[in-house]
Protein backbone atom coordinates (compact mmCIF):
# COMPACT_ATOMS: atom_id res chain seq x y z
CA MET A 1 110.96 121.03 91.79
CA MET A 2 108.87 118.32 93.48
CA ALA A 3 112.04 116.81 95.01
CA LEU A 4 113.03 120.21 96.38
CA HIS A 5 109.58 120.77 97.93
CA ARG A 6 109.70 117.28 99.47
CA SER A 7 113.18 117.85 100.91
CA LEU A 8 112.09 121.15 102.48
CA MET A 9 108.95 119.53 103.88
CA LEU A 10 110.97 116.74 105.50
CA ARG A 11 113.18 119.31 107.22
CA SER A 12 110.17 121.28 108.47
CA LEU A 13 108.31 118.39 110.12
CA PRO A 14 109.03 118.69 113.88
CA ALA A 15 109.79 114.99 114.49
CA PRO A 16 112.85 112.73 114.13
CA ARG A 17 112.92 110.54 111.01
CA PRO A 18 109.70 112.03 109.61
CA ASP A 19 110.07 109.89 106.47
CA ARG A 20 108.95 106.89 108.61
CA LEU A 21 105.66 108.49 109.64
CA VAL A 22 102.50 107.56 107.77
CA SER A 23 99.00 108.98 107.79
CA LEU A 24 96.32 106.28 108.08
CA TRP A 25 92.84 107.08 106.79
CA ASN A 26 89.57 105.76 105.47
CA GLY A 27 87.90 106.72 102.23
CA VAL A 28 85.41 106.01 99.48
CA ALA A 29 86.48 103.95 96.47
CA SER A 30 84.64 106.17 93.98
CA LYS A 31 86.34 109.30 95.40
CA PRO A 32 90.03 108.34 95.73
CA ASP A 33 91.22 111.89 96.42
CA LEU A 34 89.18 112.19 99.62
CA ARG A 35 90.72 111.30 102.98
CA GLY A 36 88.34 110.45 105.81
CA THR A 37 88.82 110.30 109.58
CA PRO A 38 88.77 106.84 111.19
CA SER A 39 86.76 105.82 114.26
CA THR A 40 88.15 104.69 117.60
CA GLY A 41 87.27 101.10 116.67
CA ASP A 42 89.22 101.51 113.43
CA LEU A 43 92.20 102.72 115.46
CA GLN A 44 92.24 99.53 117.52
CA MET A 45 92.29 97.48 114.30
CA MET A 46 95.11 99.59 112.87
CA ARG A 47 97.19 98.77 115.94
CA ARG A 48 97.12 95.02 115.24
CA PHE A 49 100.13 95.03 112.91
CA PRO A 50 103.25 95.22 115.13
CA GLU A 51 105.36 93.79 112.30
CA VAL A 52 104.53 96.90 110.26
CA PHE A 53 104.20 99.71 112.81
CA GLN A 54 106.29 100.62 115.84
CA GLY A 55 103.21 102.40 117.07
CA VAL A 56 99.93 103.93 115.90
CA ALA A 57 98.51 107.04 117.58
CA ALA A 58 95.61 109.42 117.09
CA TRP A 59 94.64 112.99 117.77
CA ALA A 60 91.61 115.23 117.30
CA PRO A 61 91.85 119.04 117.22
CA THR A 62 89.39 121.13 119.19
CA ASN A 63 89.17 124.39 121.17
CA ALA A 64 88.87 125.09 124.88
CA ASN A 65 88.44 127.96 127.32
CA LEU A 66 91.54 128.44 129.44
CA GLY A 67 90.55 130.34 132.58
CA LEU A 68 93.46 132.59 133.42
CA GLY A 69 91.54 135.46 134.98
CA THR A 70 89.52 136.29 131.88
CA PRO A 71 89.12 132.97 130.01
CA VAL A 72 90.86 132.82 126.65
CA ARG A 73 90.06 130.55 123.74
CA VAL A 74 92.93 128.19 122.96
CA ARG A 75 93.54 125.38 120.51
CA LEU A 76 93.69 122.00 122.21
CA ASP A 77 94.37 118.54 120.79
CA ARG A 78 92.98 115.41 122.40
CA VAL A 79 95.57 112.64 121.90
CA THR A 80 96.24 109.01 122.68
CA ALA A 81 98.84 108.46 125.39
CA ASN A 82 101.42 107.23 122.84
CA TYR A 83 101.02 110.21 120.51
CA PHE A 84 104.37 111.86 121.30
CA GLU A 85 106.09 108.49 121.57
CA VAL A 86 105.04 107.67 117.99
CA LEU A 87 106.19 111.08 116.78
CA GLY A 88 109.48 110.65 118.64
CA ILE A 89 109.04 113.81 120.73
CA ARG A 90 110.21 113.98 124.34
CA PRO A 91 109.22 116.74 126.77
CA ALA A 92 111.80 119.42 127.47
CA LEU A 93 110.47 119.77 131.00
CA GLY A 94 108.43 117.42 133.16
CA ARG A 95 107.14 114.13 131.75
CA GLY A 96 105.03 112.81 128.91
CA PHE A 97 101.70 111.02 128.95
CA THR A 98 101.48 107.43 130.20
CA PRO A 99 98.73 104.83 129.59
CA ALA A 100 97.48 105.58 133.12
CA ASP A 101 96.84 109.22 132.11
CA ASP A 102 94.64 107.97 129.27
CA GLU A 103 92.40 105.75 131.41
CA ALA A 104 88.76 106.78 131.79
CA GLY A 105 88.33 108.61 135.09
CA ALA A 106 92.04 109.32 135.58
CA PRO A 107 93.01 112.78 136.92
CA PRO A 108 93.08 115.15 133.90
CA THR A 109 96.58 116.04 132.73
CA ALA A 110 97.99 118.30 130.03
CA MET A 111 101.16 119.13 128.15
CA LEU A 112 101.91 122.58 126.72
CA THR A 113 103.85 123.66 123.68
CA ASN A 114 106.94 125.71 124.36
CA ASN A 115 105.35 128.69 122.61
CA ALA A 116 102.26 128.56 124.86
CA TRP A 117 104.43 128.14 127.96
CA MET A 118 106.49 131.21 127.09
CA ALA A 119 103.65 133.40 125.82
CA ARG A 120 101.08 132.65 128.53
CA PHE A 121 103.24 131.75 131.55
CA GLY A 122 106.54 133.51 130.89
CA GLY A 123 108.46 130.23 130.77
CA ASP A 124 107.90 129.68 134.51
CA PRO A 125 109.25 126.18 135.36
CA SER A 126 107.05 126.03 138.46
CA LEU A 127 104.06 125.54 136.14
CA ILE A 128 104.84 121.80 136.19
CA GLY A 129 102.52 120.21 138.73
CA ARG A 130 100.15 123.16 138.88
CA THR A 131 96.50 122.90 137.90
CA LEU A 132 94.88 125.07 135.25
CA PRO A 133 91.16 125.86 134.95
CA LEU A 134 89.83 124.60 131.63
CA ASP A 135 86.23 124.51 130.37
CA GLY A 136 84.81 124.67 133.88
CA GLY A 137 87.10 121.92 135.18
CA SER A 138 90.81 121.71 135.86
CA LEU A 139 93.83 119.72 134.73
CA GLN A 140 97.38 119.29 135.93
CA VAL A 141 100.30 120.40 133.79
CA ILE A 142 102.79 117.52 133.60
CA GLY A 143 105.11 118.52 130.75
CA ILE A 144 106.40 121.19 128.38
CA LEU A 145 107.21 120.23 124.80
CA PRO A 146 110.55 121.16 123.24
CA GLU A 147 111.10 124.43 121.47
CA GLY A 148 110.42 124.08 117.78
CA PHE A 149 107.61 121.55 118.12
CA HIS A 150 104.40 122.87 116.63
CA THR A 151 101.28 121.75 114.78
CA PRO A 152 99.98 123.30 111.55
CA HIS A 153 96.87 124.51 113.38
CA GLY A 154 98.68 126.16 116.28
CA THR A 155 97.89 123.80 119.16
CA GLU A 156 98.76 125.14 122.61
CA LEU A 157 97.65 122.31 124.90
CA PHE A 158 97.39 118.53 124.62
CA ARG A 159 95.35 116.22 126.82
CA PRO A 160 94.53 112.48 126.64
CA PHE A 161 91.22 111.20 125.24
CA GLN A 162 90.43 109.02 128.28
CA TRP A 163 87.95 106.79 126.42
CA THR A 164 85.85 104.19 128.18
CA ALA A 165 86.11 100.60 126.92
CA ALA A 166 82.88 101.06 124.96
CA GLN A 167 84.10 104.27 123.37
CA ARG A 168 87.45 102.69 122.48
CA ASP A 169 85.81 99.96 120.38
CA ASP A 170 83.12 102.13 118.79
CA HIS A 171 82.95 102.10 114.99
CA GLY A 172 80.36 104.88 114.93
CA PRO A 173 81.78 108.44 115.13
CA HIS A 174 84.63 109.08 112.69
CA TYR A 175 86.73 111.99 113.91
CA LEU A 176 90.32 110.83 114.43
CA ARG A 177 93.51 111.79 112.66
CA VAL A 178 95.78 108.75 112.80
CA VAL A 179 99.54 108.54 112.44
CA GLY A 180 101.78 105.47 112.49
CA ARG A 181 105.54 105.03 112.62
CA LEU A 182 106.86 102.29 110.36
CA GLN A 183 109.07 99.59 111.79
CA ASP A 184 112.65 99.64 110.58
CA GLY A 185 112.61 97.66 107.36
CA ALA A 186 108.84 97.95 106.89
CA SER A 187 107.59 99.62 103.72
CA LEU A 188 104.71 101.87 102.76
CA GLY A 189 103.42 98.96 100.68
CA GLN A 190 103.17 96.83 103.83
CA ALA A 191 101.27 99.62 105.58
CA ARG A 192 98.83 99.80 102.68
CA ALA A 193 98.39 96.02 102.73
CA ALA A 194 97.61 96.23 106.45
CA MET A 195 94.98 98.90 105.79
CA LYS A 196 93.36 96.64 103.18
CA GLN A 197 92.96 94.06 105.94
CA VAL A 198 91.39 96.72 108.16
CA ALA A 199 88.96 97.58 105.36
CA GLU A 200 87.91 93.94 105.03
CA ARG A 201 87.37 93.62 108.78
CA VAL A 202 85.24 96.77 108.81
CA ARG A 203 83.20 95.41 105.88
CA ASP A 204 82.63 92.22 107.86
CA ILE A 205 81.33 94.22 110.82
CA TYR A 206 78.82 96.10 108.70
CA ARG A 207 77.99 93.02 106.66
CA GLY A 208 76.85 91.47 109.92
CA GLU A 209 74.53 94.46 110.33
CA GLN A 210 73.02 93.77 106.91
CA ALA A 211 74.63 96.73 105.15
CA PRO A 212 74.15 96.55 101.35
CA GLU A 213 77.07 95.13 99.37
CA ASP A 214 77.20 98.09 96.97
CA LEU A 215 77.85 100.32 99.98
CA LEU A 216 80.41 97.95 101.48
CA SER A 217 82.33 97.83 98.21
CA GLN A 218 83.01 101.55 98.60
CA VAL A 219 84.80 101.16 101.97
CA THR A 220 88.54 101.75 101.67
CA TYR A 221 91.40 102.34 104.10
CA GLY A 222 94.83 103.54 103.11
CA ALA A 223 98.24 104.85 104.11
CA THR A 224 100.23 107.82 102.85
CA LEU A 225 103.65 109.05 103.93
CA LEU A 226 102.95 111.96 106.23
CA VAL A 227 105.40 114.19 104.37
CA ASP A 228 103.65 113.46 101.06
CA GLU A 229 100.25 114.22 102.54
CA ALA A 230 101.55 117.53 103.91
CA LEU A 231 103.26 118.21 100.61
CA GLY A 232 100.06 117.53 98.71
CA GLN A 233 98.16 119.99 100.89
CA GLY A 234 100.89 122.56 100.44
CA LEU A 235 100.99 122.13 96.67
CA ARG A 236 97.21 122.55 96.47
CA VAL A 237 97.57 125.86 98.31
CA LEU A 238 100.48 126.78 96.03
CA ARG A 239 98.39 126.07 92.92
CA ILE A 240 95.58 128.27 94.30
CA LEU A 241 98.07 131.07 94.93
CA GLN A 242 99.52 130.65 91.44
CA VAL A 243 96.05 130.90 89.90
CA ALA A 244 95.25 133.94 92.04
CA THR A 245 98.54 135.60 91.04
CA GLY A 246 97.81 134.86 87.39
CA LEU A 247 94.40 136.49 87.67
CA VAL A 248 95.92 139.58 89.31
CA LEU A 249 98.50 139.88 86.52
CA LEU A 250 95.82 139.35 83.89
CA LEU A 251 93.63 142.06 85.39
CA ALA A 252 96.60 144.40 85.68
CA ALA A 253 97.44 143.88 82.00
CA TYR A 254 93.80 144.44 81.05
CA ASN A 255 93.61 147.67 83.07
CA ALA A 256 96.90 148.90 81.60
CA ALA A 257 95.55 148.33 78.13
């Protein structure tokens, strides 16, 4: 049954060779089931293993007001410029993000999902190059993602983070979801070994700030195949539904009696 669920999950992930994608996270040693969100400084450390990863990207889900006449609330993901490159997704129309789009102060750009393009703009190809009002500002639409690409939380727009140099190296706020694509021939074990090195480097940073050793010993970083992480979330939901169904049947039997 687990193999069947995993096979179905692999087919449903909207990216080529999804079995090579890994989720990279931080955690607490005493709570191994918890998965935390890395900082921007952590992300830079995770990118220092080219022998293990073809690329490492990040995203952070949020919401925004899209001002089309009466503003509507839409789901928007902030992403690193290489996000779609790591996933292996190419735009169906227009172009993808470049490092220049992700520079602090660069003109704001956006990509739309195919669903959002069709539902909100009728699939009009002239949308490419146009500006859209968003959260009191504006951004230029540069690309439309292929049909079939979606996120679990229903993202409609994507835009680059555009961090400053100080923000890029900050180990303070932890809010990123991080995904890496394994090099051909690299293993999940190598990815986990790389994350152990990241954990030690982070400990060294906080050790220099006089953080207590008992706290530092709890710092962990890890890697999980993206399909297995998604499968784990799905199975947790499935177990909840199974329990709920069992309770309904139990109550029905009790009422019948």
